[in-house]
Amino acid sequence: MTLQFEEEGEITLPLACETLAKEVIQEALDHTGCPYEAEVSLLLTTDEEIRRMNKEFRQIDRATDVLSFPMVDYEEAGAFDFLEERD
């Protein structure tokens, strides 16, 4: 698993965020049985920036807790077989 981690803004959390993120992501991959190498980009940012991104990409003019952009649309959670048919 590859993690691209960024933290921006004036507030820094008093946690080892990157290490914790790697552990959580790896556990989620193991739990779902993902047989592929995964790449995750994680940005910890401010409410103002997440609001701007929500407005730009989702036409929602407010901050939310999470904003995600999957690279692949899955018909069923944890069903990876269809990926074998793709290039």
N, C-alpha and C. Protein backbone atom coordinates (compact mmCIF):
# COMPACT_ATOMS: atom_id res chain seq x y z
N MET A 1 0.84 -1.17 0.00
CA MET A 1 0.00 0.00 0.00
C MET A 1 0.89 1.24 0.00
N THR A 2 0.54 2.16 -0.85
CA THR A 2 1.26 3.42 -0.92
C THR A 2 0.35 4.53 -0.41
N LEU A 3 0.87 5.35 0.48
CA LEU A 3 0.10 6.48 1.02
C LEU A 3 0.80 7.77 0.67
N GLN A 4 0.07 8.66 0.01
CA GLN A 4 0.55 10.02 -0.22
C GLN A 4 -0.16 10.88 0.82
N PHE A 5 0.57 11.39 1.79
CA PHE A 5 0.01 12.08 2.94
C PHE A 5 0.42 13.54 2.94
N GLU A 6 -0.56 14.42 3.13
CA GLU A 6 -0.29 15.85 3.27
C GLU A 6 -1.11 16.40 4.43
N GLU A 7 -0.53 17.33 5.12
CA GLU A 7 -1.23 18.02 6.21
C GLU A 7 -0.99 19.51 6.00
N GLU A 8 -2.08 20.27 5.89
CA GLU A 8 -1.93 21.70 5.67
C GLU A 8 -2.82 22.48 6.62
N GLY A 9 -2.53 23.74 6.76
CA GLY A 9 -3.31 24.58 7.65
C GLY A 9 -2.52 24.92 8.89
N GLU A 10 -3.10 25.78 9.69
CA GLU A 10 -2.42 26.28 10.88
C GLU A 10 -2.47 25.30 12.05
N ILE A 11 -3.44 24.40 12.05
CA ILE A 11 -3.60 23.47 13.16
C ILE A 11 -2.92 22.14 12.82
N THR A 12 -2.11 21.65 13.73
CA THR A 12 -1.49 20.35 13.59
C THR A 12 -2.01 19.46 14.72
N LEU A 13 -2.50 18.31 14.37
CA LEU A 13 -3.04 17.40 15.39
C LEU A 13 -1.90 16.79 16.20
N PRO A 14 -2.14 16.57 17.50
CA PRO A 14 -1.10 16.00 18.37
C PRO A 14 -1.05 14.47 18.27
N LEU A 15 -1.06 13.96 17.05
CA LEU A 15 -1.04 12.51 16.79
C LEU A 15 -0.02 12.23 15.69
N ALA A 16 0.40 11.00 15.61
CA ALA A 16 1.23 10.56 14.48
C ALA A 16 0.27 10.21 13.34
N CYS A 17 -0.29 11.24 12.70
CA CYS A 17 -1.38 11.06 11.74
C CYS A 17 -1.01 10.15 10.57
N GLU A 18 0.17 10.32 10.02
CA GLU A 18 0.55 9.51 8.87
C GLU A 18 0.68 8.04 9.25
N THR A 19 1.30 7.76 10.38
CA THR A 19 1.45 6.38 10.85
C THR A 19 0.09 5.76 11.13
N LEU A 20 -0.78 6.50 11.81
CA LEU A 20 -2.12 6.03 12.11
C LEU A 20 -2.92 5.77 10.84
N ALA A 21 -2.80 6.68 9.87
CA ALA A 21 -3.51 6.51 8.60
C ALA A 21 -3.06 5.24 7.90
N LYS A 22 -1.76 4.97 7.86
CA LYS A 22 -1.26 3.75 7.23
C LYS A 22 -1.84 2.51 7.89
N GLU A 23 -1.90 2.50 9.21
CA GLU A 23 -2.44 1.35 9.93
C GLU A 23 -3.92 1.15 9.63
N VAL A 24 -4.69 2.23 9.63
CA VAL A 24 -6.13 2.14 9.38
C VAL A 24 -6.40 1.70 7.94
N ILE A 25 -5.69 2.27 7.00
CA ILE A 25 -5.89 1.91 5.59
C ILE A 25 -5.53 0.45 5.36
N GLN A 26 -4.40 0.01 5.90
CA GLN A 26 -3.99 -1.39 5.72
C GLN A 26 -5.01 -2.33 6.33
N GLU A 27 -5.53 -2.00 7.50
CA GLU A 27 -6.55 -2.83 8.14
C GLU A 27 -7.81 -2.89 7.28
N ALA A 28 -8.22 -1.76 6.71
CA ALA A 28 -9.40 -1.74 5.85
C ALA A 28 -9.18 -2.60 4.60
N LEU A 29 -7.99 -2.53 4.01
CA LEU A 29 -7.68 -3.36 2.84
C LEU A 29 -7.69 -4.84 3.20
N ASP A 30 -7.11 -5.17 4.34
CA ASP A 30 -7.10 -6.56 4.79
C ASP A 30 -8.52 -7.05 5.09
N HIS A 31 -9.31 -6.22 5.74
CA HIS A 31 -10.68 -6.58 6.11
C HIS A 31 -11.54 -6.87 4.87
N THR A 32 -11.37 -6.08 3.81
CA THR A 32 -12.16 -6.28 2.60
C THR A 32 -11.56 -7.35 1.69
N GLY A 33 -10.34 -7.79 2.01
CA GLY A 33 -9.70 -8.82 1.18
C GLY A 33 -9.21 -8.29 -0.15
N CYS A 34 -8.83 -7.04 -0.19
CA CYS A 34 -8.34 -6.44 -1.44
C CYS A 34 -7.04 -7.13 -1.87
N PRO A 35 -7.04 -7.79 -3.03
CA PRO A 35 -5.84 -8.52 -3.45
C PRO A 35 -4.85 -7.68 -4.25
N TYR A 36 -5.09 -6.39 -4.38
CA TYR A 36 -4.27 -5.53 -5.23
C TYR A 36 -3.48 -4.52 -4.41
N GLU A 37 -2.42 -4.03 -5.00
CA GLU A 37 -1.65 -2.93 -4.42
C GLU A 37 -2.55 -1.68 -4.47
N ALA A 38 -2.68 -1.00 -3.36
CA ALA A 38 -3.55 0.18 -3.29
C ALA A 38 -2.71 1.44 -3.15
N GLU A 39 -3.22 2.53 -3.71
CA GLU A 39 -2.61 3.84 -3.54
C GLU A 39 -3.66 4.78 -2.99
N VAL A 40 -3.34 5.43 -1.87
CA VAL A 40 -4.27 6.33 -1.21
C VAL A 40 -3.61 7.69 -1.05
N SER A 41 -4.33 8.73 -1.39
CA SER A 41 -3.89 10.10 -1.15
C SER A 41 -4.76 10.66 -0.03
N LEU A 42 -4.12 11.19 1.00
CA LEU A 42 -4.84 11.72 2.15
C LEU A 42 -4.36 13.13 2.44
N LEU A 43 -5.30 14.06 2.47
CA LEU A 43 -5.01 15.46 2.78
C LEU A 43 -5.80 15.86 4.01
N LEU A 44 -5.11 16.25 5.06
CA LEU A 44 -5.76 16.83 6.23
C LEU A 44 -5.71 18.34 6.05
N THR A 45 -6.87 18.98 6.05
CA THR A 45 -6.92 20.40 5.69
C THR A 45 -7.93 21.14 6.56
N THR A 46 -8.12 22.39 6.27
CA THR A 46 -9.02 23.25 7.03
C THR A 46 -10.46 23.18 6.51
N ASP A 47 -11.40 23.63 7.35
CA ASP A 47 -12.79 23.70 6.91
C ASP A 47 -12.94 24.60 5.69
N GLU A 48 -12.20 25.68 5.64
CA GLU A 48 -12.30 26.61 4.51
C GLU A 48 -11.89 25.93 3.20
N GLU A 49 -10.84 25.14 3.24
CA GLU A 49 -10.37 24.47 2.03
C GLU A 49 -11.32 23.35 1.62
N ILE A 50 -11.82 22.59 2.57
CA ILE A 50 -12.75 21.51 2.22
C ILE A 50 -14.05 22.10 1.68
N ARG A 51 -14.46 23.25 2.20
CA ARG A 51 -15.65 23.92 1.66
C ARG A 51 -15.41 24.35 0.22
N ARG A 52 -14.23 24.91 -0.06
CA ARG A 52 -13.90 25.33 -1.43
C ARG A 52 -13.91 24.12 -2.38
N MET A 53 -13.33 23.00 -1.94
CA MET A 53 -13.28 21.81 -2.79
C MET A 53 -14.67 21.22 -2.98
N ASN A 54 -15.49 21.21 -1.93
CA ASN A 54 -16.87 20.74 -2.06
C ASN A 54 -17.64 21.58 -3.08
N LYS A 55 -17.46 22.89 -3.01
CA LYS A 55 -18.16 23.78 -3.93
C LYS A 55 -17.71 23.54 -5.37
N GLU A 56 -16.41 23.37 -5.56
CA GLU A 56 -15.86 23.17 -6.90
C GLU A 56 -16.25 21.82 -7.49
N PHE A 57 -16.13 20.75 -6.71
CA PHE A 57 -16.29 19.40 -7.26
C PHE A 57 -17.68 18.80 -7.05
N ARG A 58 -18.41 19.27 -6.03
CA ARG A 58 -19.70 18.65 -5.71
C ARG A 58 -20.86 19.64 -5.71
N GLN A 59 -20.58 20.93 -5.97
CA GLN A 59 -21.59 21.98 -5.96
C GLN A 59 -22.31 22.03 -4.61
N ILE A 60 -21.59 21.78 -3.53
CA ILE A 60 -22.11 21.88 -2.16
C ILE A 60 -21.30 22.96 -1.46
N ASP A 61 -21.99 24.02 -1.04
CA ASP A 61 -21.29 25.16 -0.47
C ASP A 61 -21.23 25.07 1.05
N ARG A 62 -20.54 24.03 1.56
CA ARG A 62 -20.33 23.88 2.99
C ARG A 62 -19.19 22.88 3.20
N ALA A 63 -18.64 22.94 4.38
CA ALA A 63 -17.59 21.99 4.76
C ALA A 63 -18.23 20.67 5.16
N THR A 64 -17.55 19.57 4.89
CA THR A 64 -17.97 18.24 5.32
C THR A 64 -16.78 17.57 6.00
N ASP A 65 -17.04 16.48 6.69
CA ASP A 65 -15.96 15.77 7.38
C ASP A 65 -15.01 15.07 6.42
N VAL A 66 -15.56 14.53 5.34
CA VAL A 66 -14.76 13.74 4.41
C VAL A 66 -15.17 14.08 2.99
N LEU A 67 -14.19 14.15 2.12
CA LEU A 67 -14.43 14.32 0.69
C LEU A 67 -13.56 13.29 0.00
N SER A 68 -14.16 12.36 -0.72
CA SER A 68 -13.37 11.30 -1.34
C SER A 68 -13.67 11.20 -2.83
N PHE A 69 -12.67 10.76 -3.56
CA PHE A 69 -12.76 10.60 -5.00
C PHE A 69 -12.22 9.22 -5.37
N PRO A 70 -13.09 8.20 -5.48
CA PRO A 70 -12.60 6.86 -5.84
C PRO A 70 -12.11 6.83 -7.28
N MET A 71 -11.09 6.04 -7.53
CA MET A 71 -10.55 5.88 -8.88
C MET A 71 -11.38 4.90 -9.70
N VAL A 72 -12.10 4.00 -9.02
CA VAL A 72 -12.88 2.96 -9.68
C VAL A 72 -14.24 2.90 -9.00
N ASP A 73 -15.29 2.75 -9.80
CA ASP A 73 -16.63 2.56 -9.24
C ASP A 73 -16.89 1.06 -9.09
N TYR A 74 -17.20 0.64 -7.87
CA TYR A 74 -17.46 -0.77 -7.58
C TYR A 74 -18.95 -1.02 -7.58
N GLU A 75 -19.37 -2.11 -8.26
CA GLU A 75 -20.78 -2.48 -8.26
C GLU A 75 -21.19 -3.00 -6.89
N GLU A 76 -20.27 -3.70 -6.23
CA GLU A 76 -20.53 -4.28 -4.92
C GLU A 76 -19.28 -4.13 -4.07
N ALA A 77 -19.45 -3.66 -2.85
CA ALA A 77 -18.30 -3.48 -1.97
C ALA A 77 -17.55 -4.79 -1.77
N GLY A 78 -16.23 -4.73 -1.93
CA GLY A 78 -15.40 -5.91 -1.72
C GLY A 78 -15.36 -6.86 -2.89
N ALA A 79 -16.05 -6.56 -4.00
CA ALA A 79 -16.03 -7.41 -5.19
C ALA A 79 -14.99 -6.86 -6.16
N PHE A 80 -13.85 -7.54 -6.24
CA PHE A 80 -12.73 -7.05 -7.04
C PHE A 80 -12.56 -7.81 -8.36
N ASP A 81 -13.35 -8.86 -8.60
CA ASP A 81 -13.16 -9.72 -9.76
C ASP A 81 -13.20 -8.96 -11.08
N PHE A 82 -14.07 -7.96 -11.19
CA PHE A 82 -14.20 -7.24 -12.45
C PHE A 82 -12.92 -6.50 -12.84
N LEU A 83 -12.05 -6.25 -11.89
CA LEU A 83 -10.79 -5.55 -12.21
C LEU A 83 -9.88 -6.40 -13.07
N GLU A 84 -9.99 -7.72 -12.99
CA GLU A 84 -9.17 -8.60 -13.80
C GLU A 84 -9.49 -8.42 -15.29
N GLU A 85 -10.71 -7.97 -15.61
CA GLU A 85 -11.15 -7.80 -16.98
C GLU A 85 -10.69 -6.47 -17.58
N ARG A 86 -10.16 -5.59 -16.77
CA ARG A 86 -9.71 -4.26 -17.21
C ARG A 86 -8.23 -4.24 -17.50
N ASP A 87 -7.82 -3.30 -18.32
CA ASP A 87 -6.38 -3.08 -18.57
C ASP A 87 -5.77 -2.31 -17.43
